[in-house]
Protein backbone atom coordinates (compact mmCIF):
# COMPACT_ATOMS: atom_id res chain seq x y z
CA MET A 1 0.00 0.00 0.00
CA LYS A 2 2.77 2.49 0.84
CA THR A 3 4.37 1.83 -2.54
CA GLU A 4 1.06 2.53 -4.27
CA LEU A 5 0.68 5.75 -2.29
CA ARG A 6 4.18 6.90 -3.22
CA LYS A 7 3.59 6.12 -6.89
CA SER A 8 0.31 8.01 -6.84
CA VAL A 9 1.82 11.04 -5.15
CA SER A 10 4.73 11.23 -7.58
CA ARG A 11 2.54 11.00 -10.72
CA SER A 12 1.22 14.19 -12.22
CA ALA A 13 0.56 15.90 -15.52
CA ASP A 14 3.94 17.64 -15.31
CA GLY A 15 5.90 14.41 -15.27
CA PRO A 16 6.98 11.74 -12.80
CA SER A 17 9.19 14.06 -10.74
CA ALA A 18 6.52 16.72 -10.06
CA LYS A 19 4.39 16.15 -6.94
CA ARG A 20 0.82 17.17 -6.19
CA ASN A 21 -1.67 16.75 -3.38
CA LEU A 22 -4.13 13.90 -3.77
CA THR A 23 -7.83 14.46 -3.34
CA ARG A 24 -9.87 12.52 -0.79
CA ALA A 25 -11.39 10.47 -3.58
CA GLU A 26 -7.90 9.45 -4.73
CA LEU A 27 -6.68 8.66 -1.20
CA LYS A 28 -9.73 6.68 -0.05
CA PRO A 29 -8.99 3.48 -2.04
CA LEU A 30 -5.36 3.58 -0.94
CA LEU A 31 -6.13 3.99 2.76
CA ASN A 32 -9.30 1.93 3.00
CA GLU A 33 -8.10 -1.08 4.94
CA PRO A 34 -10.79 -2.74 7.06
CA GLU A 35 -8.27 -4.30 9.45
CA ALA A 36 -6.21 -1.18 10.08
CA GLY A 37 -5.37 -1.11 13.79
CA GLY A 38 -6.67 -4.64 14.31
CA ILE A 39 -3.37 -6.01 15.56
CA THR A 40 -3.03 -3.19 18.08
CA ALA A 41 -6.53 -3.88 19.40
CA GLU A 42 -5.74 -7.59 19.71
CA TYR A 43 -2.60 -6.81 21.70
CA ALA A 44 -4.56 -4.46 23.97
CA ILE A 45 -7.19 -7.12 24.65
CA ALA A 46 -4.50 -9.73 25.35
CA ILE A 47 -2.69 -7.41 27.76
CA LEU A 48 -5.89 -6.55 29.63
CA THR A 49 -6.80 -10.23 29.86
CA ALA A 50 -3.32 -11.13 31.15
CA ALA A 51 -3.46 -8.35 33.74
CA GLY A 52 -6.88 -9.49 34.92
CA PHE A 53 -5.72 -13.10 35.14
CA ALA A 54 -2.61 -12.04 37.07
CA GLY A 55 -4.76 -10.09 39.54
CA LEU A 56 -7.07 -13.06 40.03
CA LEU A 57 -4.14 -15.42 40.48
CA LEU A 58 -2.54 -13.06 43.00
CA ALA A 59 -5.76 -12.87 45.00
CA ILE A 60 -6.11 -16.66 45.00
CA LEU A 61 -2.50 -17.28 45.99
CA GLN A 62 -2.69 -14.79 48.88
CA SER A 63 -5.59 -16.62 50.51
CA ASP A 64 -4.76 -18.57 53.67
CA THR A 65 -6.19 -21.84 52.34
CA VAL A 66 -4.07 -21.86 49.20
CA ARG A 67 -0.99 -20.66 51.11
CA ALA A 68 -1.34 -23.57 53.59
CA TRP A 69 -1.89 -26.01 50.72
CA LEU A 70 1.24 -24.81 48.87
CA LEU A 71 3.29 -24.88 52.09
CA ALA A 72 2.20 -28.49 52.72
CA ILE A 73 3.26 -29.48 49.18
CA VAL A 74 6.69 -27.88 49.64
CA GLU A 75 7.20 -29.46 53.08
CA ARG A 76 6.20 -32.87 51.73
CA ALA A 77 8.63 -32.50 48.83
CA LEU A 78 11.52 -31.42 51.07
CA GLY A 79 10.78 -33.61 54.06
């Protein structure tokens, strides 16, 4: 797409080296990408999900029941 945009910008009636501003109608097909920003949104959702899962895991691991259970596993493994 960037190559197409550069080619379009450099073409004009005065020759290939003269540049001109493109109209909205000329730019729209070049910039009309339905998935533009999709990857960024996917990363944002993944990061928010990971942060939520980390918070939940932290809350679970700080509970007395789970702490006693983990301590018993470690003592059994070392003892």
